[in-house]
Protein backbone atom coordinates (compact mmCIF):
# COMPACT_ATOMS: atom_id res chain seq x y z
CA MET A 1 -13.86 13.21 8.09
CA ASP A 2 -12.14 14.04 11.36
CA ALA A 3 -8.84 12.61 12.61
CA GLN A 4 -10.47 10.14 15.00
CA HIS A 5 -12.47 8.46 12.23
CA LEU A 6 -9.44 8.41 9.96
CA ASN A 7 -7.35 6.76 12.70
CA LEU A 8 -10.07 4.15 13.15
CA ILE A 9 -10.05 3.40 9.43
CA TYR A 10 -6.25 3.07 9.46
CA LEU A 11 -6.49 0.70 12.43
CA ILE A 12 -9.07 -1.50 10.69
CA VAL A 13 -7.02 -1.63 7.49
CA ALA A 14 -3.84 -2.45 9.45
CA ALA A 15 -5.60 -5.23 11.36
CA ALA A 16 -6.99 -6.66 8.11
CA LEU A 17 -3.55 -6.61 6.49
CA ALA A 18 -1.95 -8.24 9.55
CA THR A 19 -4.60 -10.96 9.57
CA PHE A 20 -4.19 -11.60 5.85
CA ALA A 21 -0.37 -11.69 6.16
CA THR A 22 -0.40 -14.23 8.99
CA ARG A 23 -2.92 -16.49 7.26
CA PHE A 24 -1.19 -16.29 3.90
CA GLY A 25 2.22 -16.80 5.53
CA GLY A 26 0.97 -19.91 7.33
CA TYR A 27 -0.46 -21.28 4.10
CA VAL A 28 2.81 -20.69 2.23
CA LEU A 29 4.81 -22.28 5.06
CA ILE A 30 2.65 -25.41 5.18
CA THR A 31 2.62 -25.86 1.40
CA GLN A 32 6.43 -25.75 1.30
CA LEU A 33 6.75 -28.67 3.69
CA LYS A 34 6.90 -32.14 2.16
CA ARG A 35 5.90 -33.70 5.48
CA ILE A 36 4.44 -31.96 8.51
CA PRO A 37 6.63 -32.61 11.57
CA PRO A 38 4.83 -34.37 14.44
CA ARG A 39 5.22 -31.41 16.83
CA LEU A 40 3.72 -29.01 14.28
CA GLU A 41 0.87 -31.43 13.59
CA ALA A 42 0.16 -31.70 17.33
CA ALA A 43 0.16 -27.91 17.63
CA LEU A 44 -2.22 -27.53 14.69
CA ASN A 45 -4.53 -30.19 16.14
CA ALA A 46 -4.71 -28.17 19.39
CA VAL A 47 -5.85 -24.95 17.66
CA PRO A 48 -9.63 -25.67 17.57
CA ALA A 49 -9.74 -26.40 21.32
CA ALA A 50 -7.71 -23.27 22.05
CA VAL A 51 -9.99 -21.08 19.94
CA LEU A 52 -13.10 -22.57 21.54
CA THR A 53 -11.65 -21.93 25.00
CA THR A 54 -10.89 -18.30 24.19
CA LEU A 55 -14.50 -17.81 23.07
CA VAL A 56 -16.28 -19.74 25.83
CA ALA A 57 -14.22 -19.00 28.95
CA PRO A 58 -14.79 -15.21 29.10
CA ALA A 59 -18.52 -15.66 28.51
CA PHE A 60 -18.66 -18.28 31.26
CA VAL A 61 -16.77 -16.12 33.75
CA TYR A 62 -18.19 -12.68 32.95
CA GLY A 63 -21.49 -13.48 31.23
CA GLY A 64 -23.54 -13.72 34.38
CA PHE A 65 -25.44 -16.41 36.22
CA ASP A 66 -27.76 -17.24 33.33
CA VAL A 67 -24.95 -17.77 30.84
CA ALA A 68 -22.87 -19.89 33.23
CA VAL A 69 -25.78 -22.15 34.14
CA SER A 70 -26.86 -22.57 30.52
CA MET A 71 -23.30 -23.47 29.52
CA LEU A 72 -23.14 -26.10 32.25
CA VAL A 73 -26.52 -27.50 31.18
CA ALA A 74 -25.44 -27.50 27.51
CA PHE A 75 -22.18 -29.24 28.43
CA ALA A 76 -24.02 -31.95 30.35
CA ILE A 77 -26.48 -32.48 27.49
CA GLY A 78 -23.67 -32.37 24.92
CA MET A 79 -21.88 -35.25 26.63
CA ARG A 80 -24.88 -37.50 25.99
CA PHE A 81 -26.86 -36.18 23.02
CA SER A 82 -26.36 -34.60 19.59
CA THR A 83 -25.12 -31.07 18.94
CA LEU A 84 -28.55 -29.87 17.87
CA ARG A 85 -30.13 -31.05 21.11
CA MET A 86 -27.32 -29.43 23.08
CA LEU A 87 -27.88 -26.08 21.33
CA VAL A 88 -31.65 -26.21 21.79
CA VAL A 89 -31.43 -27.17 25.47
CA GLY A 90 -28.78 -24.49 26.12
CA TRP A 91 -30.92 -21.86 24.42
CA VAL A 92 -34.04 -22.93 26.33
CA ALA A 93 -32.07 -22.88 29.60
CA VAL A 94 -30.89 -19.31 29.01
CA MET A 95 -34.40 -18.13 28.06
CA VAL A 96 -36.00 -19.78 31.09
CA ILE A 97 -33.41 -18.34 33.45
CA ARG A 98 -33.67 -14.85 31.94
CA HIS A 99 -37.44 -14.64 31.66
CA VAL A 100 -38.75 -16.86 34.46
CA ILE A 101 -36.15 -17.00 37.22
CA LEU A 102 -34.42 -13.60 36.99
């Protein structure tokens, strides 16, 4: 195994250890608290929206015309209908744009 592959393995192991340490540390910290302070609770409640934004925003900006339009269509459908309908309509929109329009 050459040095480049070995460095990649070390990087993956280090990233896995760092991820485990932060998750385990957060768990230990929360279990030690008798009551979660309101500011911490508000911060924890904001995490899902922040994670969703970090996943969706780059795809919307850099994903191309088809991805941006399908996300807008899915958002509009999602405001009115169920999640399953939103996913199906978003998928259909992307397929139609990719295979019929573009």
